[in-house]
Amino acid sequence: MALASVLAICIGYLPYQVYGPGGVKRTLRLEHDMAKLLEGNDRLQRSNRTLRQQIRSLKQDRAYIEQVARDELGMVRPMDIVFQFRR
Protein backbone atom coordinates (compact mmCIF):
# COMPACT_ATOMS: atom_id res chain seq x y z
CA MET A 1 0.00 0.00 0.00
CA ALA A 2 2.84 2.39 0.83
CA LEU A 3 4.49 1.71 -2.53
CA ALA A 4 1.23 2.46 -4.35
CA SER A 5 0.87 5.74 -2.43
CA VAL A 6 4.42 6.81 -3.26
CA LEU A 7 3.89 5.84 -6.90
CA ALA A 8 0.63 7.82 -7.06
CA ILE A 9 2.30 10.89 -5.56
CA CYS A 10 5.18 10.63 -8.04
CA ILE A 11 2.81 10.25 -10.97
CA GLY A 12 0.90 13.33 -9.84
CA TYR A 13 4.06 15.32 -9.14
CA LEU A 14 5.82 14.58 -12.44
CA PRO A 15 3.36 16.43 -14.72
CA TYR A 16 3.46 19.40 -12.35
CA GLN A 17 7.25 19.55 -12.66
CA VAL A 18 7.14 19.19 -16.44
CA TYR A 19 4.20 21.48 -17.25
CA GLY A 20 4.09 23.66 -14.15
CA PRO A 21 5.43 27.20 -13.70
CA GLY A 22 9.06 26.07 -13.62
CA GLY A 23 8.68 23.30 -16.17
CA VAL A 24 10.03 22.45 -19.57
CA LYS A 25 7.98 25.05 -21.43
CA ARG A 26 9.36 27.88 -19.29
CA THR A 27 12.90 26.52 -19.57
CA LEU A 28 12.69 26.45 -23.36
CA ARG A 29 11.28 29.99 -23.44
CA LEU A 30 14.06 31.22 -21.14
CA GLU A 31 16.71 29.56 -23.32
CA HIS A 32 15.21 31.23 -26.39
CA ASP A 33 15.15 34.60 -24.63
CA MET A 34 18.74 34.13 -23.53
CA ALA A 35 19.84 33.35 -27.10
CA LYS A 36 18.13 36.55 -28.31
CA LEU A 37 19.81 38.58 -25.57
CA LEU A 38 23.23 37.14 -26.38
CA GLU A 39 22.71 37.95 -30.06
CA GLY A 40 21.71 41.52 -29.18
CA ASN A 41 24.73 41.78 -26.90
CA ASP A 42 27.05 40.70 -29.72
CA ARG A 43 25.45 43.25 -32.06
CA LEU A 44 25.94 46.03 -29.48
CA GLN A 45 29.56 45.02 -28.89
CA ARG A 46 30.26 45.23 -32.65
CA SER A 47 28.57 48.62 -32.76
CA ASN A 48 30.63 49.82 -29.78
CA ARG A 49 33.86 48.71 -31.49
CA THR A 50 32.88 50.65 -34.61
CA LEU A 51 32.03 53.75 -32.58
CA ARG A 52 35.33 53.54 -30.65
CA GLN A 53 37.21 53.36 -33.95
CA GLN A 54 35.32 56.40 -35.24
CA ILE A 55 36.16 58.30 -32.04
CA ARG A 56 39.85 57.43 -32.41
CA SER A 57 39.78 58.53 -36.04
CA LEU A 58 38.03 61.80 -35.19
CA LYS A 59 40.68 62.53 -32.57
CA GLN A 60 43.74 61.59 -34.61
CA ASP A 61 43.14 61.20 -38.36
CA ARG A 62 42.93 64.51 -40.24
CA ALA A 63 41.86 62.85 -43.49
CA TYR A 64 38.94 61.16 -41.71
CA ILE A 65 37.95 64.46 -40.07
CA GLU A 66 37.93 66.13 -43.49
CA GLN A 67 35.90 63.30 -44.99
CA VAL A 68 33.29 63.57 -42.23
CA ALA A 69 33.16 67.36 -42.57
CA ARG A 70 32.59 67.07 -46.30
CA ASP A 71 30.16 64.14 -46.28
CA GLU A 72 28.04 64.85 -43.22
CA LEU A 73 28.34 68.61 -42.81
CA GLY A 74 28.58 69.61 -46.47
CA MET A 75 31.71 71.67 -45.91
CA VAL A 76 34.00 72.65 -48.79
CA ARG A 77 37.43 74.19 -49.15
CA PRO A 78 37.68 77.82 -50.27
CA MET A 79 38.90 76.87 -53.76
CA ASP A 80 36.39 74.03 -54.35
CA ILE A 81 33.72 74.44 -57.03
CA VAL A 82 30.27 73.44 -55.81
CA PHE A 83 27.58 72.14 -58.18
CA GLN A 84 24.02 72.08 -56.84
CA PHE A 85 21.41 70.01 -58.59
CA ARG A 86 17.76 70.53 -57.81
CA ARG A 87 14.80 68.45 -58.78
C-alpha atoms as a PDB file:
ATOM      1  CA  MET A   1       0.000   0.000   0.000  1.00  0.00           C
ATOM      2  CA  ALA A   2       2.843   2.385   0.831  1.00  0.00           C
ATOM      3  CA  LEU A   3       4.486   1.714  -2.534  1.00  0.00           C
ATOM      4  CA  ALA A   4       1.230   2.458  -4.350  1.00  0.00           C
ATOM      5  CA  SER A   5       0.868   5.742  -2.430  1.00  0.00           C
ATOM      6  CA  VAL A   6       4.425   6.814  -3.263  1.00  0.00           C
ATOM      7  CA  LEU A   7       3.891   5.840  -6.903  1.00  0.00           C
ATOM      8  CA  ALA A   8       0.630   7.823  -7.059  1.00  0.00           C
ATOM      9  CA  ILE A   9       2.298  10.886  -5.561  1.00  0.00           C
ATOM     10  CA  CYS A  10       5.184  10.634  -8.038  1.00  0.00           C
ATOM     11  CA  ILE A  11       2.809  10.249 -10.974  1.00  0.00           C
ATOM     12  CA  GLY A  12       0.897  13.328  -9.837  1.00  0.00           C
ATOM     13  CA  TYR A  13       4.057  15.323  -9.140  1.00  0.00           C
ATOM     14  CA  LEU A  14       5.824  14.578 -12.437  1.00  0.00           C
ATOM     15  CA  PRO A  15       3.357  16.431 -14.716  1.00  0.00           C
ATOM     16  CA  TYR A  16       3.457  19.397 -12.351  1.00  0.00           C
ATOM     17  CA  GLN A  17       7.247  19.548 -12.655  1.00  0.00           C
ATOM     18  CA  VAL A  18       7.142  19.191 -16.437  1.00  0.00           C
ATOM     19  CA  TYR A  19       4.201  21.479 -17.247  1.00  0.00           C
ATOM     20  CA  GLY A  20       4.091  23.664 -14.147  1.00  0.00           C
ATOM     21  CA  PRO A  21       5.434  27.201 -13.701  1.00  0.00           C
ATOM     22  CA  GLY A  22       9.061  26.066 -13.619  1.00  0.00           C
ATOM     23  CA  GLY A  23       8.682  23.301 -16.169  1.00  0.00           C
ATOM     24  CA  VAL A  24      10.026  22.446 -19.574  1.00  0.00           C
ATOM     25  CA  LYS A  25       7.978  25.054 -21.432  1.00  0.00           C
ATOM     26  CA  ARG A  26       9.361  27.877 -19.293  1.00  0.00           C
ATOM     27  CA  THR A  27      12.899  26.523 -19.567  1.00  0.00           C
ATOM     28  CA  LEU A  28      12.687  26.449 -23.359  1.00  0.00           C
ATOM     29  CA  ARG A  29      11.282  29.988 -23.439  1.00  0.00           C
ATOM     30  CA  LEU A  30      14.060  31.220 -21.144  1.00  0.00           C
ATOM     31  CA  GLU A  31      16.713  29.563 -23.315  1.00  0.00           C
ATOM     32  CA  HIS A  32      15.210  31.226 -26.393  1.00  0.00           C
ATOM     33  CA  ASP A  33      15.148  34.600 -24.633  1.00  0.00           C
ATOM     34  CA  MET A  34      18.742  34.128 -23.534  1.00  0.00           C
ATOM     35  CA  ALA A  35      19.838  33.354 -27.105  1.00  0.00           C
ATOM     36  CA  LYS A  36      18.133  36.549 -28.310  1.00  0.00           C
ATOM     37  CA  LEU A  37      19.812  38.583 -25.568  1.00  0.00           C
ATOM     38  CA  LEU A  38      23.231  37.137 -26.382  1.00  0.00           C
ATOM     39  CA  GLU A  39      22.708  37.951 -30.058  1.00  0.00           C
ATOM     40  CA  GLY A  40      21.708  41.518 -29.179  1.00  0.00           C
ATOM     41  CA  ASN A  41      24.732  41.783 -26.896  1.00  0.00           C
ATOM     42  CA  ASP A  42      27.049  40.700 -29.723  1.00  0.00           C
ATOM     43  CA  ARG A  43      25.451  43.249 -32.056  1.00  0.00           C
ATOM     44  CA  LEU A  44      25.937  46.032 -29.483  1.00  0.00           C
ATOM     45  CA  GLN A  45      29.557  45.024 -28.895  1.00  0.00           C
ATOM     46  CA  ARG A  46      30.257  45.229 -32.652  1.00  0.00           C
ATOM     47  CA  SER A  47      28.566  48.623 -32.758  1.00  0.00           C
ATOM     48  CA  ASN A  48      30.631  49.824 -29.784  1.00  0.00           C
ATOM     49  CA  ARG A  49      33.859  48.713 -31.487  1.00  0.00           C
ATOM     50  CA  THR A  50      32.883  50.650 -34.615  1.00  0.00           C
ATOM     51  CA  LEU A  51      32.034  53.747 -32.577  1.00  0.00           C
ATOM     52  CA  ARG A  52      35.327  53.543 -30.652  1.00  0.00           C
ATOM     53  CA  GLN A  53      37.208  53.356 -33.952  1.00  0.00           C
ATOM     54  CA  GLN A  54      35.317  56.400 -35.237  1.00  0.00           C
ATOM     55  CA  ILE A  55      36.156  58.298 -32.041  1.00  0.00           C
ATOM     56  CA  ARG A  56      39.853  57.432 -32.412  1.00  0.00           C
ATOM     57  CA  SER A  57      39.777  58.532 -36.043  1.00  0.00           C
ATOM     58  CA  LEU A  58      38.032  61.802 -35.195  1.00  0.00           C
ATOM     59  CA  LYS A  59      40.679  62.530 -32.566  1.00  0.00           C
ATOM     60  CA  GLN A  60      43.738  61.590 -34.610  1.00  0.00           C
ATOM     61  CA  ASP A  61      43.137  61.199 -38.364  1.00  0.00           C
ATOM     62  CA  ARG A  62      42.932  64.510 -40.237  1.00  0.00           C
ATOM     63  CA  ALA A  63      41.858  62.846 -43.490  1.00  0.00           C
ATOM     64  CA  TYR A  64      38.937  61.164 -41.706  1.00  0.00           C
ATOM     65  CA  ILE A  65      37.952  64.460 -40.074  1.00  0.00           C
ATOM     66  CA  GLU A  66      37.932  66.134 -43.488  1.00  0.00           C
ATOM     67  CA  GLN A  67      35.899  63.295 -44.990  1.00  0.00           C
ATOM     68  CA  VAL A  68      33.287  63.571 -42.226  1.00  0.00           C
ATOM     69  CA  ALA A  69      33.165  67.359 -42.568  1.00  0.00           C
ATOM     70  CA  ARG A  70      32.591  67.075 -46.301  1.00  0.00           C
ATOM     71  CA  ASP A  71      30.157  64.140 -46.284  1.00  0.00           C
ATOM     72  CA  GLU A  72      28.044  64.848 -43.218  1.00  0.00           C
ATOM     73  CA  LEU A  73      28.340  68.612 -42.808  1.00  0.00           C
ATOM     74  CA  GLY A  74      28.579  69.610 -46.474  1.00  0.00           C
ATOM     75  CA  MET A  75      31.705  71.674 -45.912  1.00  0.00           C
ATOM     76  CA  VAL A  76      33.998  72.654 -48.794  1.00  0.00           C
ATOM     77  CA  ARG A  77      37.428  74.191 -49.147  1.00  0.00           C
ATOM     78  CA  PRO A  78      37.681  77.816 -50.268  1.00  0.00           C
ATOM     79  CA  MET A  79      38.896  76.868 -53.764  1.00  0.00           C
ATOM     80  CA  ASP A  80      36.386  74.032 -54.352  1.00  0.00           C
ATOM     81  CA  ILE A  81      33.715  74.437 -57.034  1.00  0.00           C
ATOM     82  CA  VAL A  82      30.266  73.440 -55.814  1.00  0.00           C
ATOM     83  CA  PHE A  83      27.577  72.144 -58.178  1.00  0.00           C
ATOM     84  CA  GLN A  84      24.024  72.084 -56.836  1.00  0.00           C
ATOM     85  CA  PHE A  85      21.415  70.010 -58.589  1.00  0.00           C
ATOM     86  CA  ARG A  86      17.758  70.526 -57.807  1.00  0.00           C
ATOM     87  CA  ARG A  87      14.796  68.453 -58.784  1.00  0.00           C
END
